């Protein structure tokens, strides 16, 4: 088994997504990167994550890359049975991004310890586009690249 696409997909999608999250948080509310990482770690730590300093920020970063790597592994293993996923990586990557967004926002986050906040239309649009182009698309392209 080739673990390279899972490694590279997780690393690249995770990097693009976290950079987009940092930029979006700063642009929309002046929120810095550490606070974004605290938000991520609050999924398992709860509100104590915001007072956890460097440790909970590092935990948030690790969780973020774990999620990106799992998303890559799911696509990779699915592509072993469903070749159309890598035959049309752009379309399938964008669709996969939507599926990842829906799963994270309507399954993972509601069952986590993250404090529930009302969603805005602009926040949803930015979120789904970010996951489509920074997670789904790179994962599909990378998995295809290593599947030749």
N, C-alpha and C. Protein backbone atom coordinates (compact mmCIF):
# COMPACT_ATOMS: atom_id res chain seq x y z
N UNK A 1 0.83 -1.19 0.00
CA UNK A 1 0.00 0.00 0.00
C UNK A 1 0.87 1.25 0.00
N UNK A 2 0.42 2.23 -0.74
CA UNK A 2 1.16 3.48 -0.88
C UNK A 2 0.57 4.54 0.05
N UNK A 3 1.33 4.92 1.07
CA UNK A 3 0.85 5.93 2.02
C UNK A 3 1.20 7.35 1.60
N UNK A 4 1.97 7.49 0.53
CA UNK A 4 2.38 8.83 0.10
C UNK A 4 1.20 9.76 -0.21
N UNK A 5 0.18 9.30 -0.95
CA UNK A 5 -0.91 10.23 -1.22
C UNK A 5 -1.65 10.67 0.04
N UNK A 6 -1.74 9.79 1.01
CA UNK A 6 -2.42 10.14 2.27
C UNK A 6 -1.59 11.16 3.03
N UNK A 7 -0.28 10.92 3.09
CA UNK A 7 0.61 11.87 3.78
C UNK A 7 0.57 13.24 3.11
N UNK A 8 0.83 13.26 1.78
CA UNK A 8 0.90 14.54 1.07
C UNK A 8 -0.46 15.23 1.00
N UNK A 9 -1.51 14.46 0.81
CA UNK A 9 -2.84 15.06 0.80
C UNK A 9 -3.19 15.70 2.12
N UNK A 10 -2.91 15.00 3.22
CA UNK A 10 -3.17 15.56 4.54
C UNK A 10 -2.35 16.80 4.81
N UNK A 11 -1.07 16.74 4.42
CA UNK A 11 -0.18 17.88 4.66
C UNK A 11 -0.57 19.10 3.82
N UNK A 12 -0.80 18.89 2.53
CA UNK A 12 -1.10 20.03 1.66
C UNK A 12 -2.50 20.57 1.91
N UNK A 13 -3.50 19.70 1.98
CA UNK A 13 -4.86 20.18 2.25
C UNK A 13 -4.94 20.82 3.64
N UNK A 14 -4.28 20.21 4.62
CA UNK A 14 -4.27 20.78 5.97
C UNK A 14 -3.63 22.15 6.00
N UNK A 15 -2.52 22.31 5.27
CA UNK A 15 -1.83 23.60 5.23
C UNK A 15 -2.67 24.66 4.53
N UNK A 16 -3.22 24.32 3.37
CA UNK A 16 -4.06 25.29 2.65
C UNK A 16 -5.27 25.69 3.47
N UNK A 17 -5.90 24.71 4.11
CA UNK A 17 -7.11 24.99 4.88
C UNK A 17 -6.81 25.83 6.11
N UNK A 18 -5.74 25.52 6.82
CA UNK A 18 -5.46 26.29 8.04
C UNK A 18 -5.04 27.72 7.68
N UNK A 19 -4.30 27.88 6.58
CA UNK A 19 -3.95 29.24 6.14
C UNK A 19 -5.20 30.02 5.75
N UNK A 20 -6.12 29.36 5.07
CA UNK A 20 -7.39 30.01 4.72
C UNK A 20 -8.17 30.37 5.97
N UNK A 21 -8.17 29.48 6.96
CA UNK A 21 -8.88 29.77 8.21
C UNK A 21 -8.25 30.96 8.93
N UNK A 22 -6.92 31.02 8.95
CA UNK A 22 -6.24 32.15 9.58
C UNK A 22 -6.60 33.46 8.87
N UNK A 23 -6.54 33.45 7.54
CA UNK A 23 -6.84 34.67 6.77
C UNK A 23 -8.29 35.09 6.93
N UNK A 24 -9.20 34.12 6.86
CA UNK A 24 -10.62 34.42 6.99
C UNK A 24 -10.95 34.98 8.37
N UNK A 25 -10.40 34.36 9.41
CA UNK A 25 -10.66 34.82 10.79
C UNK A 25 -10.12 36.24 10.99
N UNK A 26 -8.95 36.50 10.44
CA UNK A 26 -8.37 37.84 10.57
C UNK A 26 -9.19 38.85 9.77
N UNK A 27 -9.55 38.50 8.54
CA UNK A 27 -10.28 39.40 7.66
C UNK A 27 -11.68 39.69 8.18
N UNK A 28 -12.37 38.68 8.69
CA UNK A 28 -13.76 38.86 9.11
C UNK A 28 -13.89 39.40 10.53
N UNK A 29 -12.90 39.16 11.40
CA UNK A 29 -13.08 39.59 12.78
C UNK A 29 -11.82 39.99 13.52
N UNK A 30 -10.71 40.11 12.81
CA UNK A 30 -9.46 40.48 13.47
C UNK A 30 -8.96 39.42 14.44
N UNK A 31 -9.33 38.15 14.22
CA UNK A 31 -8.96 37.05 15.12
C UNK A 31 -7.64 36.46 14.65
N UNK A 32 -6.73 36.28 15.60
CA UNK A 32 -5.41 35.77 15.28
C UNK A 32 -5.34 34.25 15.19
N UNK A 33 -4.23 33.75 14.66
CA UNK A 33 -4.05 32.31 14.46
C UNK A 33 -4.16 31.47 15.73
N UNK A 34 -3.64 31.95 16.84
CA UNK A 34 -3.70 31.17 18.08
C UNK A 34 -5.14 30.95 18.51
N UNK A 35 -5.95 31.98 18.38
CA UNK A 35 -7.37 31.86 18.73
C UNK A 35 -8.09 30.85 17.82
N UNK A 36 -7.72 30.82 16.54
CA UNK A 36 -8.29 29.84 15.61
C UNK A 36 -7.91 28.44 16.06
N UNK A 37 -6.66 28.25 16.43
CA UNK A 37 -6.21 26.93 16.89
C UNK A 37 -6.87 26.55 18.21
N UNK A 38 -7.10 27.51 19.08
CA UNK A 38 -7.84 27.25 20.32
C UNK A 38 -9.26 26.81 20.00
N UNK A 39 -9.88 27.45 19.01
CA UNK A 39 -11.23 27.07 18.60
C UNK A 39 -11.26 25.60 18.16
N UNK A 40 -10.27 25.20 17.38
CA UNK A 40 -10.22 23.81 16.92
C UNK A 40 -10.07 22.85 18.10
N UNK A 41 -9.16 23.16 19.00
CA UNK A 41 -8.96 22.26 20.15
C UNK A 41 -10.14 22.28 21.11
N UNK A 42 -10.96 23.32 21.05
CA UNK A 42 -12.13 23.36 21.92
C UNK A 42 -13.13 22.26 21.56
N UNK A 43 -12.95 21.66 20.40
CA UNK A 43 -13.80 20.54 20.02
C UNK A 43 -13.69 19.36 20.96
N UNK A 44 -12.51 19.18 21.57
CA UNK A 44 -12.36 18.10 22.55
C UNK A 44 -12.10 18.61 23.96
N UNK A 45 -11.56 19.81 24.08
CA UNK A 45 -11.22 20.35 25.40
C UNK A 45 -12.36 21.20 25.97
N UNK A 46 -13.19 21.75 25.09
CA UNK A 46 -14.23 22.66 25.53
C UNK A 46 -13.69 24.07 25.66
N UNK A 47 -14.39 24.91 26.38
CA UNK A 47 -14.01 26.32 26.50
C UNK A 47 -12.68 26.53 27.21
N UNK A 48 -12.20 25.53 27.94
CA UNK A 48 -10.88 25.64 28.58
C UNK A 48 -9.76 25.78 27.56
N UNK A 49 -10.03 25.41 26.32
CA UNK A 49 -9.01 25.50 25.27
C UNK A 49 -8.51 26.94 25.11
N UNK A 50 -9.40 27.92 25.32
CA UNK A 50 -9.04 29.31 25.10
C UNK A 50 -8.08 29.85 26.17
N UNK A 51 -7.98 29.19 27.27
CA UNK A 51 -7.03 29.61 28.31
C UNK A 51 -5.85 28.64 28.41
N UNK A 52 -5.75 27.74 27.47
CA UNK A 52 -4.70 26.72 27.51
C UNK A 52 -3.38 27.12 26.90
N UNK A 53 -3.32 28.32 26.32
CA UNK A 53 -2.06 28.82 25.77
C UNK A 53 -1.54 27.98 24.62
N UNK A 54 -0.20 27.86 24.61
CA UNK A 54 0.49 27.17 23.53
C UNK A 54 0.09 25.71 23.41
N UNK A 55 -0.15 25.06 24.54
CA UNK A 55 -0.47 23.62 24.50
C UNK A 55 -1.77 23.34 23.76
N UNK A 56 -2.81 24.11 24.04
CA UNK A 56 -4.08 23.84 23.35
C UNK A 56 -4.05 24.36 21.91
N UNK A 57 -3.22 25.38 21.64
CA UNK A 57 -3.05 25.81 20.25
C UNK A 57 -2.36 24.71 19.45
N UNK A 58 -1.34 24.11 20.02
CA UNK A 58 -0.64 23.01 19.36
C UNK A 58 -1.56 21.80 19.19
N UNK A 59 -2.40 21.54 20.18
CA UNK A 59 -3.39 20.47 20.07
C UNK A 59 -4.35 20.76 18.91
N UNK A 60 -4.80 21.99 18.79
CA UNK A 60 -5.68 22.38 17.70
C UNK A 60 -5.03 22.16 16.34
N UNK A 61 -3.75 22.51 16.24
CA UNK A 61 -3.03 22.30 14.98
C UNK A 61 -2.92 20.81 14.66
N UNK A 62 -2.59 20.01 15.67
CA UNK A 62 -2.49 18.55 15.47
C UNK A 62 -3.84 17.96 15.06
N UNK A 63 -4.91 18.39 15.71
CA UNK A 63 -6.25 17.90 15.37
C UNK A 63 -6.62 18.30 13.94
N UNK A 64 -6.28 19.51 13.57
CA UNK A 64 -6.58 19.99 12.22
C UNK A 64 -5.91 19.10 11.17
N UNK A 65 -4.62 18.81 11.36
CA UNK A 65 -3.91 17.98 10.39
C UNK A 65 -4.38 16.53 10.45
N UNK A 66 -4.79 16.06 11.61
CA UNK A 66 -5.36 14.72 11.71
C UNK A 66 -6.65 14.64 10.87
N UNK A 67 -7.50 15.63 11.00
CA UNK A 67 -8.75 15.65 10.24
C UNK A 67 -8.46 15.70 8.73
N UNK A 68 -7.51 16.53 8.31
CA UNK A 68 -7.15 16.61 6.89
C UNK A 68 -6.60 15.29 6.39
N UNK A 69 -5.82 14.62 7.22
CA UNK A 69 -5.24 13.33 6.82
C UNK A 69 -6.32 12.25 6.75
N UNK A 70 -7.25 12.25 7.68
CA UNK A 70 -8.36 11.29 7.64
C UNK A 70 -9.22 11.56 6.39
N UNK A 71 -9.48 12.82 6.08
CA UNK A 71 -10.26 13.14 4.88
C UNK A 71 -9.54 12.63 3.63
N UNK A 72 -8.22 12.75 3.62
CA UNK A 72 -7.45 12.24 2.48
C UNK A 72 -7.53 10.71 2.43
N UNK A 73 -7.40 10.06 3.56
CA UNK A 73 -7.45 8.59 3.60
C UNK A 73 -8.81 8.09 3.12
N UNK A 74 -9.88 8.75 3.52
CA UNK A 74 -11.23 8.34 3.08
C UNK A 74 -11.32 8.44 1.56
N UNK A 75 -10.86 9.55 0.99
CA UNK A 75 -10.91 9.71 -0.47
C UNK A 75 -10.02 8.67 -1.14
N UNK A 76 -8.84 8.48 -0.62
CA UNK A 76 -7.90 7.51 -1.20
C UNK A 76 -8.51 6.11 -1.24
N UNK A 77 -9.01 5.64 -0.11
CA UNK A 77 -9.57 4.29 -0.07
C UNK A 77 -10.83 4.18 -0.93
N UNK A 78 -11.64 5.22 -0.97
CA UNK A 78 -12.82 5.21 -1.85
C UNK A 78 -12.39 5.15 -3.32
N UNK A 79 -11.31 5.83 -3.65
CA UNK A 79 -10.85 5.86 -5.04
C UNK A 79 -10.30 4.51 -5.51
N UNK A 80 -9.99 3.63 -4.59
CA UNK A 80 -9.53 2.30 -4.97
C UNK A 80 -10.68 1.49 -5.56
N UNK A 81 -11.90 1.75 -5.10
CA UNK A 81 -13.08 1.03 -5.60
C UNK A 81 -13.86 1.83 -6.63
N UNK A 82 -13.83 3.14 -6.52
CA UNK A 82 -14.60 4.01 -7.41
C UNK A 82 -13.63 4.85 -8.23
N UNK A 83 -13.18 4.30 -9.34
CA UNK A 83 -12.14 4.94 -10.15
C UNK A 83 -12.56 6.30 -10.69
N UNK A 84 -13.87 6.55 -10.83
CA UNK A 84 -14.31 7.85 -11.33
C UNK A 84 -13.83 8.99 -10.44
N UNK A 85 -13.52 8.70 -9.18
CA UNK A 85 -13.03 9.74 -8.27
C UNK A 85 -11.70 10.31 -8.74
N UNK A 86 -10.86 9.45 -9.34
CA UNK A 86 -9.56 9.94 -9.81
C UNK A 86 -9.54 10.15 -11.32
N UNK A 87 -10.56 9.67 -12.01
CA UNK A 87 -10.64 9.93 -13.45
C UNK A 87 -11.08 11.37 -13.72
N UNK A 88 -11.83 11.94 -12.81
CA UNK A 88 -12.30 13.32 -12.91
C UNK A 88 -11.98 14.05 -11.60
N UNK A 89 -10.69 14.29 -11.35
CA UNK A 89 -10.29 14.81 -10.04
C UNK A 89 -10.81 16.21 -9.72
N UNK A 90 -10.98 17.05 -10.72
CA UNK A 90 -11.44 18.42 -10.43
C UNK A 90 -12.89 18.40 -9.96
N UNK A 91 -13.75 17.79 -10.74
CA UNK A 91 -15.17 17.73 -10.38
C UNK A 91 -15.36 16.94 -9.08
N UNK A 92 -14.73 15.77 -9.01
CA UNK A 92 -14.90 14.92 -7.83
C UNK A 92 -14.28 15.56 -6.58
N UNK A 93 -13.17 16.27 -6.76
CA UNK A 93 -12.54 16.95 -5.63
C UNK A 93 -13.43 18.05 -5.08
N UNK A 94 -14.05 18.82 -5.98
CA UNK A 94 -14.94 19.90 -5.53
C UNK A 94 -16.18 19.32 -4.84
N UNK A 95 -16.72 18.24 -5.40
CA UNK A 95 -17.87 17.59 -4.76
C UNK A 95 -17.46 17.01 -3.42
N UNK A 96 -16.28 16.40 -3.36
CA UNK A 96 -15.80 15.84 -2.10
C UNK A 96 -15.64 16.95 -1.05
N UNK A 97 -15.19 18.12 -1.48
CA UNK A 97 -15.08 19.25 -0.57
C UNK A 97 -16.41 19.61 0.05
N UNK A 98 -17.47 19.60 -0.76
CA UNK A 98 -18.82 19.88 -0.23
C UNK A 98 -19.20 18.81 0.78
N UNK A 99 -18.92 17.56 0.47
CA UNK A 99 -19.25 16.46 1.39
C UNK A 99 -18.48 16.58 2.70
N UNK A 100 -17.21 16.93 2.61
CA UNK A 100 -16.40 17.12 3.83
C UNK A 100 -16.98 18.27 4.65
N UNK A 101 -17.32 19.37 3.99
CA UNK A 101 -17.92 20.51 4.69
C UNK A 101 -19.20 20.10 5.42
N UNK A 102 -20.07 19.40 4.71
CA UNK A 102 -21.33 18.97 5.32
C UNK A 102 -21.09 18.04 6.50
N UNK A 103 -20.17 17.09 6.35
CA UNK A 103 -19.87 16.15 7.43
C UNK A 103 -19.31 16.88 8.65
N UNK A 104 -18.37 17.78 8.42
CA UNK A 104 -17.75 18.50 9.54
C UNK A 104 -18.76 19.40 10.25
N UNK A 105 -19.59 20.11 9.48
CA UNK A 105 -20.48 21.10 10.06
C UNK A 105 -21.79 20.56 10.60
N UNK A 106 -22.21 19.40 10.11
CA UNK A 106 -23.50 18.87 10.55
C UNK A 106 -23.40 17.55 11.29
N UNK A 107 -22.19 16.98 11.39
CA UNK A 107 -21.98 15.76 12.16
C UNK A 107 -20.91 15.98 13.23
N UNK A 108 -19.70 16.32 12.81
CA UNK A 108 -18.58 16.42 13.75
C UNK A 108 -18.77 17.57 14.74
N UNK A 109 -18.95 18.77 14.26
CA UNK A 109 -19.03 19.94 15.15
C UNK A 109 -20.21 19.85 16.12
N UNK A 110 -21.41 19.45 15.68
CA UNK A 110 -22.51 19.35 16.65
C UNK A 110 -22.26 18.33 17.78
N UNK A 111 -21.46 17.31 17.50
CA UNK A 111 -21.17 16.31 18.52
C UNK A 111 -19.88 16.60 19.28
N UNK A 112 -19.24 17.72 18.97
CA UNK A 112 -18.01 18.09 19.68
C UNK A 112 -18.36 19.01 20.85
N UNK A 113 -17.35 19.49 21.52
CA UNK A 113 -17.54 20.41 22.64
C UNK A 113 -17.47 21.87 22.21
N UNK A 114 -17.42 22.12 20.91
CA UNK A 114 -17.37 23.50 20.41
C UNK A 114 -18.68 24.19 20.75
N UNK A 115 -18.56 25.40 21.30
CA UNK A 115 -19.76 26.18 21.63
C UNK A 115 -20.50 26.51 20.34
N UNK A 116 -21.78 26.22 20.32
CA UNK A 116 -22.60 26.45 19.13
C UNK A 116 -22.83 27.95 18.93
N UNK A 117 -22.62 28.38 17.70
CA UNK A 117 -22.85 29.78 17.33
C UNK A 117 -23.78 29.82 16.13
N UNK A 118 -24.56 30.86 15.99
CA UNK A 118 -25.41 30.94 14.80
C UNK A 118 -24.55 31.13 13.55
N UNK A 119 -24.90 30.44 12.49
CA UNK A 119 -24.17 30.53 11.23
C UNK A 119 -24.77 31.64 10.37
N UNK A 120 -23.90 32.33 9.65
CA UNK A 120 -24.36 33.34 8.71
C UNK A 120 -24.25 32.77 7.30
N UNK A 121 -25.00 33.34 6.38
CA UNK A 121 -24.93 32.89 4.99
C UNK A 121 -23.53 33.12 4.44
N UNK A 122 -22.97 34.29 4.71
CA UNK A 122 -21.62 34.56 4.19
C UNK A 122 -20.60 33.61 4.80
N UNK A 123 -20.76 33.29 6.07
CA UNK A 123 -19.85 32.34 6.71
C UNK A 123 -19.95 30.96 6.10
N UNK A 124 -21.17 30.53 5.80
CA UNK A 124 -21.38 29.22 5.16
C UNK A 124 -20.77 29.19 3.76
N UNK A 125 -20.98 30.27 2.99
CA UNK A 125 -20.45 30.32 1.62
C UNK A 125 -18.92 30.30 1.65
N UNK A 126 -18.34 31.12 2.50
CA UNK A 126 -16.88 31.14 2.61
C UNK A 126 -16.37 29.78 3.06
N UNK A 127 -17.05 29.18 4.02
CA UNK A 127 -16.63 27.88 4.54
C UNK A 127 -16.68 26.78 3.50
N UNK A 128 -17.78 26.69 2.76
CA UNK A 128 -17.89 25.62 1.77
C UNK A 128 -16.92 25.84 0.62
N UNK A 129 -16.74 27.07 0.18
CA UNK A 129 -15.77 27.33 -0.89
C UNK A 129 -14.34 27.03 -0.44
N UNK A 130 -14.03 27.38 0.79
CA UNK A 130 -12.70 27.08 1.32
C UNK A 130 -12.44 25.58 1.33
N UNK A 131 -13.38 24.81 1.82
CA UNK A 131 -13.18 23.35 1.90
C UNK A 131 -13.16 22.75 0.49
N UNK A 132 -13.97 23.27 -0.41
CA UNK A 132 -13.95 22.76 -1.79
C UNK A 132 -12.58 22.94 -2.44
N UNK A 133 -12.05 24.17 -2.34
CA UNK A 133 -10.82 24.50 -3.06
C UNK A 133 -9.54 24.23 -2.28
N UNK A 134 -9.59 24.23 -0.96
CA UNK A 134 -8.39 24.03 -0.15
C UNK A 134 -8.28 22.61 0.40
N UNK A 135 -9.36 21.84 0.38
CA UNK A 135 -9.33 20.48 0.91
C UNK A 135 -9.70 19.47 -0.17
N UNK A 136 -10.93 19.52 -0.65
CA UNK A 136 -11.39 18.52 -1.61
C UNK A 136 -10.58 18.47 -2.89
N UNK A 137 -10.38 19.61 -3.52
CA UNK A 137 -9.65 19.67 -4.78
C UNK A 137 -8.20 19.20 -4.65
N UNK A 138 -7.43 19.72 -3.69
CA UNK A 138 -6.05 19.23 -3.58
C UNK A 138 -5.97 17.74 -3.25
N UNK A 139 -6.87 17.26 -2.41
CA UNK A 139 -6.86 15.84 -2.07
C UNK A 139 -7.07 15.00 -3.34
N UNK A 140 -8.06 15.35 -4.13
CA UNK A 140 -8.35 14.58 -5.34
C UNK A 140 -7.19 14.63 -6.33
N UNK A 141 -6.59 15.79 -6.50
CA UNK A 141 -5.46 15.93 -7.43
C UNK A 141 -4.26 15.12 -6.93
N UNK A 142 -3.98 15.19 -5.65
CA UNK A 142 -2.84 14.45 -5.10
C UNK A 142 -3.06 12.94 -5.18
N UNK A 143 -4.26 12.49 -4.83
CA UNK A 143 -4.55 11.06 -4.91
C UNK A 143 -4.43 10.59 -6.35
N UNK A 144 -4.94 11.37 -7.29
CA UNK A 144 -4.81 11.01 -8.71
C UNK A 144 -3.35 10.94 -9.11
N UNK A 145 -2.58 11.93 -8.71
CA UNK A 145 -1.15 11.99 -9.06
C UNK A 145 -0.42 10.73 -8.62
N UNK A 146 -0.72 10.23 -7.44
CA UNK A 146 -0.05 9.04 -6.93
C UNK A 146 -0.72 7.74 -7.38
N UNK A 147 -1.80 7.85 -8.13
CA UNK A 147 -2.51 6.65 -8.59
C UNK A 147 -2.13 6.24 -10.00
N UNK A 148 -1.24 6.95 -10.61
CA UNK A 148 -0.84 6.64 -12.00
C UNK A 148 0.12 5.50 -12.05
